[in-house]
């Protein structure tokens, strides 16, 4: 029987961690972050995330914010830096990614950032904003379950901002979200082969 491939959306990656520090530009400054093998985009900030960060407005400086599928944390780090009075929940299934992000947050003094698995977010928490470069490659069924779970947890004035590659179904995903959840979905921007989708309550 062949081994299952080791994906970044695996809870416990089997590949060598090869943990290292890397300087990246986030929230208007250069910061040193922890990265490793077995997590999404270990070489730095990926193109889709850069597109999202260039287009998304500053997060609300209060309440609860969510980075869904946080990886090593570029979105969560940006949210926590720009909204120091908010609580930022960085959620991922990948325990290695969460461990990396906890180390980076400690070093940067981001005491408002919580890197956790989904079951560690209290059920009554509602989000003023959700930012996500969602894990499209988990497959439609898992992705749809993820979005059904988290998008309805926006508060009444909240908005979610998602970045999805056009060739990986950004337009069909926008239509599905709108129809399935009965919410407005706007194509907020297009750049470098990606769409930025805004989902409102």
N, C-alpha and C. Protein backbone atom coordinates (compact mmCIF):
# COMPACT_ATOMS: atom_id res chain seq x y z
N UNK A 1 0.85 -1.20 0.00
CA UNK A 1 0.00 0.00 0.00
C UNK A 1 0.88 1.24 0.00
N UNK A 2 0.63 2.16 -0.90
CA UNK A 2 1.47 3.35 -0.99
C UNK A 2 1.13 4.34 0.11
N UNK A 3 2.12 5.16 0.48
CA UNK A 3 1.90 6.19 1.49
C UNK A 3 0.99 7.28 0.96
N UNK A 4 0.19 7.85 1.84
CA UNK A 4 -0.62 9.00 1.45
C UNK A 4 0.30 10.21 1.25
N UNK A 5 0.02 11.05 0.26
CA UNK A 5 0.84 12.24 0.08
C UNK A 5 0.74 13.18 1.27
N UNK A 6 1.82 13.88 1.53
CA UNK A 6 1.90 14.77 2.69
C UNK A 6 1.54 16.19 2.25
N UNK A 7 0.27 16.59 2.47
CA UNK A 7 -0.21 17.89 2.03
C UNK A 7 -0.09 18.90 3.16
N UNK A 8 -0.11 20.18 2.79
CA UNK A 8 -0.07 21.23 3.81
C UNK A 8 -1.34 21.24 4.65
N UNK A 9 -2.41 20.59 4.16
CA UNK A 9 -3.64 20.53 4.94
C UNK A 9 -3.73 19.23 5.75
N UNK A 10 -2.58 18.58 5.97
CA UNK A 10 -2.48 17.42 6.85
C UNK A 10 -2.29 17.91 8.29
N UNK A 11 -2.95 17.26 9.24
CA UNK A 11 -2.84 17.71 10.64
C UNK A 11 -1.41 17.58 11.15
N UNK A 12 -0.77 16.43 10.85
CA UNK A 12 0.60 16.21 11.32
C UNK A 12 1.47 15.83 10.12
N UNK A 13 2.08 16.83 9.47
CA UNK A 13 2.90 16.53 8.30
C UNK A 13 4.03 15.56 8.64
N UNK A 14 4.27 14.59 7.75
CA UNK A 14 5.32 13.61 7.97
C UNK A 14 6.67 14.09 7.42
N UNK A 15 6.64 15.06 6.54
CA UNK A 15 7.87 15.54 5.93
C UNK A 15 8.75 16.25 6.97
N UNK A 16 10.06 16.30 6.73
CA UNK A 16 10.94 17.00 7.67
C UNK A 16 10.53 18.46 7.83
N UNK A 17 10.58 18.94 9.07
CA UNK A 17 10.12 20.31 9.32
C UNK A 17 11.08 21.35 8.73
N UNK A 18 12.39 21.13 8.91
CA UNK A 18 13.38 22.09 8.40
C UNK A 18 12.98 23.52 8.76
N UNK A 19 12.68 23.72 10.03
CA UNK A 19 12.22 25.01 10.51
C UNK A 19 13.31 26.07 10.33
N UNK A 20 12.89 27.24 9.88
CA UNK A 20 13.85 28.33 9.68
C UNK A 20 13.13 29.66 9.81
N UNK A 21 13.89 30.71 9.91
CA UNK A 21 13.32 32.06 9.97
C UNK A 21 13.56 32.79 8.66
N UNK A 22 12.59 33.62 8.33
CA UNK A 22 12.65 34.33 7.06
C UNK A 22 12.08 35.73 7.25
N UNK A 23 12.68 36.70 6.58
CA UNK A 23 12.19 38.07 6.65
C UNK A 23 11.19 38.30 5.53
N UNK A 24 9.99 38.77 5.89
CA UNK A 24 8.96 39.10 4.92
C UNK A 24 8.41 40.49 5.25
N UNK A 25 7.76 41.10 4.27
CA UNK A 25 7.19 42.44 4.46
C UNK A 25 5.70 42.31 4.71
N UNK A 26 5.26 42.65 5.92
CA UNK A 26 3.85 42.56 6.29
C UNK A 26 3.46 43.77 7.11
N UNK A 27 2.26 44.28 6.89
CA UNK A 27 1.72 45.41 7.65
C UNK A 27 2.69 46.60 7.65
N UNK A 28 3.30 46.82 6.49
CA UNK A 28 4.14 48.00 6.33
C UNK A 28 5.53 47.91 6.90
N UNK A 29 5.96 46.72 7.31
CA UNK A 29 7.31 46.60 7.87
C UNK A 29 7.87 45.22 7.59
N UNK A 30 9.19 45.11 7.68
CA UNK A 30 9.84 43.82 7.55
C UNK A 30 9.77 43.10 8.89
N UNK A 31 9.33 41.85 8.88
CA UNK A 31 9.26 41.05 10.10
C UNK A 31 9.91 39.70 9.85
N UNK A 32 10.41 39.12 10.91
CA UNK A 32 11.03 37.80 10.84
C UNK A 32 10.00 36.76 11.27
N UNK A 33 9.71 35.81 10.38
CA UNK A 33 8.69 34.80 10.65
C UNK A 33 9.31 33.41 10.64
N UNK A 34 8.63 32.48 11.30
CA UNK A 34 9.05 31.08 11.29
C UNK A 34 8.31 30.36 10.16
N UNK A 35 9.05 29.63 9.33
CA UNK A 35 8.47 28.82 8.26
C UNK A 35 9.11 27.44 8.32
N UNK A 36 8.52 26.49 7.59
CA UNK A 36 9.04 25.12 7.59
C UNK A 36 8.40 24.34 6.46
N UNK A 37 8.99 23.20 6.12
CA UNK A 37 8.38 22.29 5.17
C UNK A 37 7.09 21.71 5.75
N UNK A 38 6.22 21.23 4.87
CA UNK A 38 4.97 20.64 5.31
C UNK A 38 3.88 21.64 5.62
N UNK A 39 4.13 22.93 5.33
CA UNK A 39 3.10 23.96 5.48
C UNK A 39 2.94 24.66 4.14
N UNK A 40 1.86 25.40 3.98
CA UNK A 40 1.61 26.09 2.72
C UNK A 40 2.61 27.22 2.52
N UNK A 41 3.18 27.30 1.33
CA UNK A 41 4.09 28.37 0.91
C UNK A 41 5.23 28.62 1.90
N UNK A 42 6.08 27.61 2.14
CA UNK A 42 7.17 27.78 3.08
C UNK A 42 8.26 28.74 2.59
N UNK A 43 8.20 29.11 1.32
CA UNK A 43 9.21 30.01 0.78
C UNK A 43 8.93 31.48 1.00
N UNK A 44 7.79 31.81 1.62
CA UNK A 44 7.44 33.21 1.84
C UNK A 44 5.98 33.45 1.54
N UNK A 45 5.62 34.72 1.39
CA UNK A 45 4.22 35.09 1.13
C UNK A 45 3.88 34.72 -0.32
N UNK A 46 2.88 33.86 -0.50
CA UNK A 46 2.50 33.41 -1.83
C UNK A 46 1.79 34.52 -2.61
N UNK A 47 1.67 34.31 -3.92
CA UNK A 47 1.11 35.34 -4.79
C UNK A 47 -0.33 35.69 -4.44
N UNK A 48 -1.16 34.68 -4.19
CA UNK A 48 -2.55 34.95 -3.86
C UNK A 48 -2.71 35.77 -2.60
N UNK A 49 -1.95 35.42 -1.57
CA UNK A 49 -2.01 36.18 -0.31
C UNK A 49 -1.53 37.61 -0.52
N UNK A 50 -0.52 37.80 -1.35
CA UNK A 50 -0.06 39.17 -1.65
C UNK A 50 -1.16 39.97 -2.33
N UNK A 51 -1.88 39.33 -3.26
CA UNK A 51 -2.99 40.02 -3.92
C UNK A 51 -4.06 40.42 -2.90
N UNK A 52 -4.41 39.49 -2.03
CA UNK A 52 -5.42 39.81 -1.01
C UNK A 52 -4.98 40.96 -0.13
N UNK A 53 -3.74 40.92 0.34
CA UNK A 53 -3.24 41.97 1.23
C UNK A 53 -3.19 43.33 0.53
N UNK A 54 -3.00 43.33 -0.77
CA UNK A 54 -2.96 44.59 -1.52
C UNK A 54 -4.35 45.19 -1.70
N UNK A 55 -5.38 44.36 -1.62
CA UNK A 55 -6.74 44.81 -1.95
C UNK A 55 -7.66 44.98 -0.74
N UNK A 56 -7.40 44.25 0.32
CA UNK A 56 -8.33 44.24 1.45
C UNK A 56 -8.20 45.52 2.28
N UNK A 57 -9.31 46.07 2.78
CA UNK A 57 -9.19 47.24 3.66
C UNK A 57 -8.66 46.82 5.03
N UNK A 58 -8.21 47.80 5.80
CA UNK A 58 -7.74 47.50 7.15
C UNK A 58 -8.85 46.81 7.94
N UNK A 59 -8.49 45.86 8.79
CA UNK A 59 -9.51 45.18 9.59
C UNK A 59 -10.07 46.09 10.66
N UNK A 60 -11.28 45.81 11.14
CA UNK A 60 -11.83 46.59 12.26
C UNK A 60 -10.90 46.46 13.47
N UNK A 61 -10.70 47.58 14.18
CA UNK A 61 -9.78 47.56 15.32
C UNK A 61 -10.55 47.22 16.60
N UNK A 62 -11.21 46.08 16.58
CA UNK A 62 -11.95 45.63 17.74
C UNK A 62 -12.73 44.39 17.40
N UNK A 63 -13.24 43.71 18.40
CA UNK A 63 -14.00 42.49 18.17
C UNK A 63 -13.11 41.32 17.84
N UNK A 64 -13.67 40.36 17.12
CA UNK A 64 -12.97 39.14 16.75
C UNK A 64 -12.75 39.10 15.26
N UNK A 65 -11.56 38.71 14.85
CA UNK A 65 -11.18 38.59 13.45
C UNK A 65 -10.70 37.17 13.20
N UNK A 66 -10.89 36.67 11.98
CA UNK A 66 -10.54 35.29 11.66
C UNK A 66 -9.66 35.22 10.41
N UNK A 67 -8.55 34.51 10.54
CA UNK A 67 -7.77 34.07 9.38
C UNK A 67 -8.05 32.58 9.23
N UNK A 68 -8.81 32.22 8.20
CA UNK A 68 -9.25 30.85 7.99
C UNK A 68 -8.27 30.13 7.07
N UNK A 69 -7.61 29.08 7.60
CA UNK A 69 -6.57 28.39 6.86
C UNK A 69 -5.29 29.20 6.91
N UNK A 70 -4.82 29.48 8.11
CA UNK A 70 -3.80 30.52 8.32
C UNK A 70 -2.40 30.14 7.85
N UNK A 71 -2.08 28.83 7.76
CA UNK A 71 -0.71 28.47 7.43
C UNK A 71 0.26 29.04 8.46
N UNK A 72 1.41 29.51 8.00
CA UNK A 72 2.38 30.10 8.95
C UNK A 72 2.02 31.53 9.35
N UNK A 73 0.95 32.09 8.72
CA UNK A 73 0.34 33.25 9.31
C UNK A 73 0.45 34.63 8.71
N UNK A 74 0.73 34.81 7.42
CA UNK A 74 0.86 36.19 6.92
C UNK A 74 -0.39 37.04 7.10
N UNK A 75 -1.57 36.45 6.89
CA UNK A 75 -2.80 37.23 7.06
C UNK A 75 -3.05 37.53 8.53
N UNK A 76 -2.89 36.53 9.39
CA UNK A 76 -3.12 36.73 10.82
C UNK A 76 -2.14 37.74 11.41
N UNK A 77 -0.89 37.66 11.01
CA UNK A 77 0.11 38.62 11.50
C UNK A 77 -0.26 40.03 11.08
N UNK A 78 -0.71 40.19 9.83
CA UNK A 78 -1.13 41.51 9.35
C UNK A 78 -2.34 42.02 10.13
N UNK A 79 -3.34 41.17 10.32
CA UNK A 79 -4.53 41.57 11.07
C UNK A 79 -4.17 41.97 12.50
N UNK A 80 -3.38 41.15 13.16
CA UNK A 80 -3.02 41.41 14.56
C UNK A 80 -2.18 42.68 14.69
N UNK A 81 -1.34 42.95 13.70
CA UNK A 81 -0.51 44.16 13.73
C UNK A 81 -1.34 45.41 13.49
N UNK A 82 -2.29 45.33 12.57
CA UNK A 82 -3.08 46.51 12.19
C UNK A 82 -4.27 46.74 13.13
N UNK A 83 -4.66 45.72 13.86
CA UNK A 83 -5.82 45.84 14.76
C UNK A 83 -5.44 45.34 16.15
N UNK A 84 -4.60 46.09 16.86
CA UNK A 84 -4.07 45.60 18.14
C UNK A 84 -5.12 45.41 19.22
N UNK A 85 -6.29 46.03 19.06
CA UNK A 85 -7.33 45.89 20.09
C UNK A 85 -8.34 44.79 19.75
N UNK A 86 -8.16 44.13 18.61
CA UNK A 86 -9.01 43.01 18.22
C UNK A 86 -8.37 41.70 18.68
N UNK A 87 -9.18 40.66 18.76
CA UNK A 87 -8.67 39.31 18.98
C UNK A 87 -8.66 38.59 17.63
N UNK A 88 -7.48 38.16 17.21
CA UNK A 88 -7.33 37.50 15.92
C UNK A 88 -7.23 36.00 16.14
N UNK A 89 -8.17 35.26 15.55
CA UNK A 89 -8.17 33.80 15.59
C UNK A 89 -7.56 33.30 14.29
N UNK A 90 -6.43 32.61 14.39
CA UNK A 90 -5.77 32.02 13.23
C UNK A 90 -6.03 30.52 13.27
N UNK A 91 -6.83 30.03 12.33
CA UNK A 91 -7.32 28.65 12.38
C UNK A 91 -6.72 27.82 11.25
N UNK A 92 -6.23 26.64 11.62
CA UNK A 92 -5.70 25.72 10.61
C UNK A 92 -5.78 24.31 11.17
N UNK A 93 -5.80 23.33 10.27
CA UNK A 93 -5.76 21.93 10.69
C UNK A 93 -4.31 21.47 10.92
N UNK A 94 -3.37 22.19 10.32
CA UNK A 94 -1.96 21.79 10.31
C UNK A 94 -1.27 22.23 11.61
N UNK A 95 -0.96 21.27 12.47
CA UNK A 95 -0.40 21.60 13.78
C UNK A 95 0.99 22.22 13.67
N UNK A 96 1.74 21.82 12.66
CA UNK A 96 3.06 22.43 12.45
C UNK A 96 2.93 23.91 12.12
N UNK A 97 1.97 24.23 11.25
CA UNK A 97 1.75 25.64 10.90
C UNK A 97 1.36 26.46 12.13
N UNK A 98 0.48 25.91 12.95
CA UNK A 98 0.05 26.63 14.15
C UNK A 98 1.21 26.85 15.11
N UNK A 99 2.06 25.85 15.25
CA UNK A 99 3.23 25.98 16.13
C UNK A 99 4.18 27.06 15.61
N UNK A 100 4.39 27.10 14.30
CA UNK A 100 5.22 28.14 13.70
C UNK A 100 4.66 29.52 14.00
N UNK A 101 3.34 29.66 13.81
CA UNK A 101 2.72 30.97 13.99
C UNK A 101 2.76 31.41 15.46
N UNK A 102 2.57 30.46 16.37
CA UNK A 102 2.68 30.83 17.80
C UNK A 102 4.06 31.38 18.11
N UNK A 103 5.10 30.75 17.57
CA UNK A 103 6.46 31.23 17.80
C UNK A 103 6.68 32.62 17.23
N UNK A 104 6.18 32.85 16.02
CA UNK A 104 6.32 34.17 15.39
C UNK A 104 5.56 35.22 16.19
N UNK A 105 4.32 34.91 16.58
CA UNK A 105 3.51 35.87 17.33
C UNK A 105 4.17 36.23 18.65
N UNK A 106 4.73 35.25 19.34
CA UNK A 106 5.43 35.52 20.61
C UNK A 106 6.60 36.47 20.38
N UNK A 107 7.37 36.18 19.34
CA UNK A 107 8.56 36.99 19.07
C UNK A 107 8.19 38.42 18.68
N UNK A 108 7.06 38.59 17.96
CA UNK A 108 6.64 39.92 17.52
C UNK A 108 5.79 40.64 18.56
N UNK A 109 5.50 39.97 19.66
CA UNK A 109 4.69 40.61 20.71
C UNK A 109 3.23 40.76 20.35
N UNK A 110 2.72 39.88 19.49
CA UNK A 110 1.32 39.95 19.06
C UNK A 110 0.47 39.15 20.04
N UNK A 111 0.21 39.74 21.19
CA UNK A 111 -0.52 39.04 22.25
C UNK A 111 -2.00 38.87 21.93
N UNK A 112 -2.48 39.54 20.89
CA UNK A 112 -3.89 39.44 20.49
C UNK A 112 -4.13 38.35 19.46
N UNK A 113 -3.12 37.55 19.14
CA UNK A 113 -3.23 36.53 18.11
C UNK A 113 -3.30 35.15 18.75
N UNK A 114 -4.30 34.37 18.37
CA UNK A 114 -4.47 33.02 18.90
C UNK A 114 -4.43 32.03 17.74
N UNK A 115 -3.40 31.22 17.67
CA UNK A 115 -3.25 30.22 16.61
C UNK A 115 -3.82 28.90 17.13
N UNK A 116 -4.95 28.47 16.57
CA UNK A 116 -5.72 27.36 17.15
C UNK A 116 -6.32 26.47 16.07
N UNK A 117 -6.73 25.28 16.48
CA UNK A 117 -7.55 24.43 15.62
C UNK A 117 -9.01 24.89 15.73
N UNK A 118 -9.83 24.45 14.79
CA UNK A 118 -11.21 24.94 14.71
C UNK A 118 -11.99 24.70 15.99
N UNK A 119 -11.77 23.55 16.63
CA UNK A 119 -12.55 23.22 17.81
C UNK A 119 -12.17 24.04 19.04
N UNK A 120 -11.10 24.82 18.92
CA UNK A 120 -10.68 25.67 20.04
C UNK A 120 -11.27 27.08 19.98
N UNK A 121 -12.03 27.37 18.95
CA UNK A 121 -12.72 28.66 18.85
C UNK A 121 -14.09 28.51 19.51
N UNK A 122 -14.39 29.30 20.55
CA UNK A 122 -15.70 29.16 21.21
C UNK A 122 -16.85 29.34 20.22
N UNK A 123 -17.90 28.53 20.42
CA UNK A 123 -19.03 28.53 19.49
C UNK A 123 -19.74 29.87 19.40
N UNK A 124 -19.66 30.68 20.46
CA UNK A 124 -20.41 31.95 20.46
C UNK A 124 -19.63 33.11 19.87
N UNK A 125 -18.41 32.89 19.41
CA UNK A 125 -17.62 33.97 18.82
C UNK A 125 -18.15 34.29 17.43
N UNK A 126 -18.38 35.58 17.18
CA UNK A 126 -18.76 36.08 15.86
C UNK A 126 -17.68 37.03 15.38
N UNK A 127 -17.49 37.08 14.07
CA UNK A 127 -16.33 37.77 13.52
C UNK A 127 -16.70 39.08 12.82
N UNK A 128 -15.94 40.11 13.12
CA UNK A 128 -16.10 41.40 12.44
C UNK A 128 -15.50 41.35 11.05
N UNK A 129 -14.54 40.45 10.83
CA UNK A 129 -13.95 40.26 9.50
C UNK A 129 -13.34 38.87 9.43
N UNK A 130 -13.41 38.29 8.24
CA UNK A 130 -12.73 37.04 7.94
C UNK A 130 -11.85 37.29 6.72
N UNK A 131 -10.58 36.95 6.83
CA UNK A 131 -9.66 36.98 5.68
C UNK A 131 -9.22 35.55 5.42
N UNK A 132 -9.17 35.16 4.15
CA UNK A 132 -8.76 33.79 3.86
C UNK A 132 -8.22 33.63 2.45
N UNK A 133 -7.13 32.87 2.37
CA UNK A 133 -6.69 32.27 1.12
C UNK A 133 -7.07 30.80 1.27
N UNK A 134 -8.32 30.45 0.93
CA UNK A 134 -8.84 29.14 1.33
C UNK A 134 -8.13 27.99 0.63
N UNK A 135 -8.08 26.83 1.30
CA UNK A 135 -7.37 25.67 0.75
C UNK A 135 -8.17 24.98 -0.34
N UNK A 136 -8.16 25.54 -1.53
CA UNK A 136 -8.96 25.04 -2.64
C UNK A 136 -8.65 23.57 -2.94
N UNK A 137 -7.41 23.17 -2.76
CA UNK A 137 -6.99 21.82 -3.17
C UNK A 137 -7.46 20.72 -2.22
N UNK A 138 -8.17 21.08 -1.16
CA UNK A 138 -8.75 20.02 -0.31
C UNK A 138 -9.93 19.36 -1.01
N UNK A 139 -10.42 19.96 -2.08
CA UNK A 139 -11.58 19.42 -2.81
C UNK A 139 -12.85 20.17 -2.45
N UNK A 140 -13.81 20.13 -3.38
CA UNK A 140 -15.02 20.94 -3.23
C UNK A 140 -15.80 20.60 -1.98
N UNK A 141 -15.96 19.33 -1.69
CA UNK A 141 -16.79 18.92 -0.56
C UNK A 141 -16.24 19.48 0.76
N UNK A 142 -14.95 19.31 0.99
CA UNK A 142 -14.33 19.81 2.23
C UNK A 142 -14.35 21.33 2.26
N UNK A 143 -14.02 21.94 1.11
CA UNK A 143 -14.02 23.40 1.04
C UNK A 143 -15.41 23.96 1.33
N UNK A 144 -16.42 23.39 0.73
CA UNK A 144 -17.79 23.87 0.94
C UNK A 144 -18.20 23.72 2.41
N UNK A 145 -17.84 22.60 3.03
CA UNK A 145 -18.14 22.42 4.45
C UNK A 145 -17.46 23.50 5.29
N UNK A 146 -16.22 23.81 4.94
CA UNK A 146 -15.46 24.84 5.66
C UNK A 146 -16.16 26.19 5.57
N UNK A 147 -16.58 26.56 4.37
CA UNK A 147 -17.22 27.86 4.17
C UNK A 147 -18.61 27.89 4.80
N UNK A 148 -19.34 26.78 4.73
CA UNK A 148 -20.65 26.71 5.39
C UNK A 148 -20.52 26.88 6.91
N UNK A 149 -19.42 26.41 7.46
CA UNK A 149 -19.20 26.49 8.91
C UNK A 149 -18.86 27.90 9.35
N UNK A 150 -17.96 28.57 8.61
CA UNK A 150 -17.37 29.81 9.11
C UNK A 150 -18.01 31.09 8.58
N UNK A 151 -18.43 31.12 7.33
CA UNK A 151 -18.98 32.37 6.80
C UNK A 151 -20.24 32.82 7.55
N UNK A 152 -21.12 31.92 7.98
CA UNK A 152 -22.29 32.37 8.75
C UNK A 152 -21.93 32.93 10.12
N UNK A 153 -20.68 32.82 10.53
CA UNK A 153 -20.28 33.35 11.83
C UNK A 153 -19.80 34.80 11.76
N UNK A 154 -19.94 35.43 10.61
CA UNK A 154 -19.74 36.88 10.53
C UNK A 154 -20.79 37.59 11.38
N UNK A 155 -20.39 38.69 12.04
CA UNK A 155 -21.40 39.46 12.74
C UNK A 155 -22.20 40.29 11.73
N UNK A 156 -23.20 41.01 12.20
CA UNK A 156 -24.14 41.67 11.28
C UNK A 156 -23.48 42.66 10.34
N UNK A 157 -22.40 43.30 10.79
CA UNK A 157 -21.72 44.28 9.95
C UNK A 157 -20.45 43.72 9.33
N UNK A 158 -20.22 42.42 9.50
CA UNK A 158 -18.95 41.83 9.09
C UNK A 158 -18.89 41.51 7.60
N UNK A 159 -17.66 41.34 7.12
CA UNK A 159 -17.42 40.93 5.73
C UNK A 159 -16.25 39.95 5.70
N UNK A 160 -16.34 39.00 4.78
CA UNK A 160 -15.24 38.07 4.53
C UNK A 160 -14.57 38.43 3.22
N UNK A 161 -13.26 38.31 3.20
CA UNK A 161 -12.47 38.59 2.01
C UNK A 161 -11.67 37.32 1.67
N UNK A 162 -11.96 36.76 0.50
CA UNK A 162 -11.33 35.51 0.07
C UNK A 162 -10.56 35.75 -1.22
N UNK A 163 -9.40 35.13 -1.35
CA UNK A 163 -8.66 35.20 -2.61
C UNK A 163 -8.60 33.80 -3.20
N UNK A 164 -8.98 33.71 -4.50
CA UNK A 164 -9.06 32.41 -5.17
C UNK A 164 -8.54 32.58 -6.59
N UNK A 165 -7.70 31.65 -7.02
CA UNK A 165 -7.20 31.70 -8.40
C UNK A 165 -8.34 31.53 -9.39
N UNK A 166 -8.31 32.31 -10.47
CA UNK A 166 -9.36 32.21 -11.48
C UNK A 166 -9.41 30.80 -12.06
N UNK A 167 -8.24 30.20 -12.31
CA UNK A 167 -8.23 28.88 -12.94
C UNK A 167 -8.57 27.75 -11.98
N UNK A 168 -8.76 28.09 -10.70
CA UNK A 168 -9.19 27.09 -9.71
C UNK A 168 -10.65 27.31 -9.30
N UNK A 169 -11.37 28.09 -10.09
CA UNK A 169 -12.81 28.16 -9.90
C UNK A 169 -13.32 29.31 -9.05
N UNK A 170 -12.65 30.45 -9.10
CA UNK A 170 -13.08 31.59 -8.27
C UNK A 170 -14.51 32.02 -8.60
N UNK A 171 -14.85 32.06 -9.89
CA UNK A 171 -16.18 32.55 -10.26
C UNK A 171 -17.27 31.56 -9.88
N UNK A 172 -17.01 30.27 -10.06
CA UNK A 172 -18.01 29.27 -9.68
C UNK A 172 -18.15 29.22 -8.16
N UNK A 173 -17.06 29.44 -7.43
CA UNK A 173 -17.15 29.46 -5.97
C UNK A 173 -17.98 30.66 -5.51
N UNK A 174 -17.80 31.80 -6.14
CA UNK A 174 -18.60 32.98 -5.80
C UNK A 174 -20.08 32.71 -6.00
N UNK A 175 -20.42 32.06 -7.10
CA UNK A 175 -21.83 31.74 -7.36
C UNK A 175 -22.36 30.75 -6.32
N UNK A 176 -21.54 29.76 -5.96
CA UNK A 176 -21.97 28.77 -4.97
C UNK A 176 -22.21 29.42 -3.61
N UNK A 177 -21.29 30.28 -3.17
CA UNK A 177 -21.47 30.94 -1.87
C UNK A 177 -22.75 31.75 -1.85
N UNK A 178 -22.98 32.52 -2.91
CA UNK A 178 -24.16 33.37 -2.98
C UNK A 178 -25.45 32.54 -2.93
N UNK A 179 -25.48 31.44 -3.68
CA UNK A 179 -26.67 30.61 -3.74
C UNK A 179 -26.85 29.78 -2.47
N UNK A 180 -25.78 29.19 -1.98
CA UNK A 180 -25.86 28.29 -0.83
C UNK A 180 -26.17 29.02 0.47
N UNK A 181 -25.52 30.18 0.67
CA UNK A 181 -25.65 30.90 1.93
C UNK A 181 -26.60 32.09 1.84
N UNK A 182 -27.10 32.36 0.62
CA UNK A 182 -28.03 33.47 0.40
C UNK A 182 -27.46 34.79 0.92
N UNK A 183 -26.23 35.08 0.49
CA UNK A 183 -25.54 36.31 0.89
C UNK A 183 -24.96 36.98 -0.35
N UNK A 184 -24.74 38.31 -0.28
CA UNK A 184 -24.13 38.99 -1.42
C UNK A 184 -22.64 38.68 -1.53
N UNK A 185 -22.20 38.36 -2.74
CA UNK A 185 -20.79 38.12 -3.02
C UNK A 185 -20.36 39.06 -4.15
N UNK A 186 -19.31 39.82 -3.90
CA UNK A 186 -18.82 40.81 -4.86
C UNK A 186 -17.41 40.44 -5.31
N UNK A 187 -17.14 40.56 -6.61
CA UNK A 187 -15.76 40.45 -7.08
C UNK A 187 -15.09 41.79 -6.81
N UNK A 188 -14.37 41.86 -5.72
CA UNK A 188 -13.81 43.14 -5.28
C UNK A 188 -12.59 43.55 -6.09
N UNK A 189 -11.86 42.57 -6.61
CA UNK A 189 -10.64 42.90 -7.38
C UNK A 189 -10.22 41.68 -8.17
N UNK A 190 -9.45 41.93 -9.24
CA UNK A 190 -8.81 40.87 -10.01
C UNK A 190 -7.38 41.30 -10.28
N UNK A 191 -6.42 40.40 -10.01
CA UNK A 191 -5.02 40.72 -10.25
C UNK A 191 -4.20 39.44 -10.31
N UNK A 192 -3.27 39.39 -11.25
CA UNK A 192 -2.27 38.32 -11.32
C UNK A 192 -2.88 36.92 -11.33
N UNK A 193 -4.04 36.79 -11.98
CA UNK A 193 -4.68 35.49 -12.08
C UNK A 193 -5.55 35.12 -10.90
N UNK A 194 -5.80 36.07 -10.01
CA UNK A 194 -6.61 35.82 -8.81
C UNK A 194 -7.80 36.76 -8.76
N UNK A 195 -8.86 36.30 -8.12
CA UNK A 195 -9.98 37.16 -7.79
C UNK A 195 -10.01 37.34 -6.27
N UNK A 196 -10.36 38.53 -5.84
CA UNK A 196 -10.66 38.79 -4.43
C UNK A 196 -12.17 38.92 -4.31
N UNK A 197 -12.76 38.03 -3.53
CA UNK A 197 -14.19 37.99 -3.34
C UNK A 197 -14.54 38.60 -1.97
N UNK A 198 -15.55 39.46 -1.96
CA UNK A 198 -16.07 40.00 -0.70
C UNK A 198 -17.43 39.36 -0.45
N UNK A 199 -17.59 38.79 0.74
CA UNK A 199 -18.83 38.17 1.14
C UNK A 199 -19.41 38.95 2.32
N UNK A 200 -20.62 39.45 2.17
CA UNK A 200 -21.26 40.22 3.24
C UNK A 200 -22.37 39.39 3.89
N UNK A 201 -22.73 39.80 5.09
CA UNK A 201 -23.86 39.14 5.77
C UNK A 201 -25.16 39.50 5.06
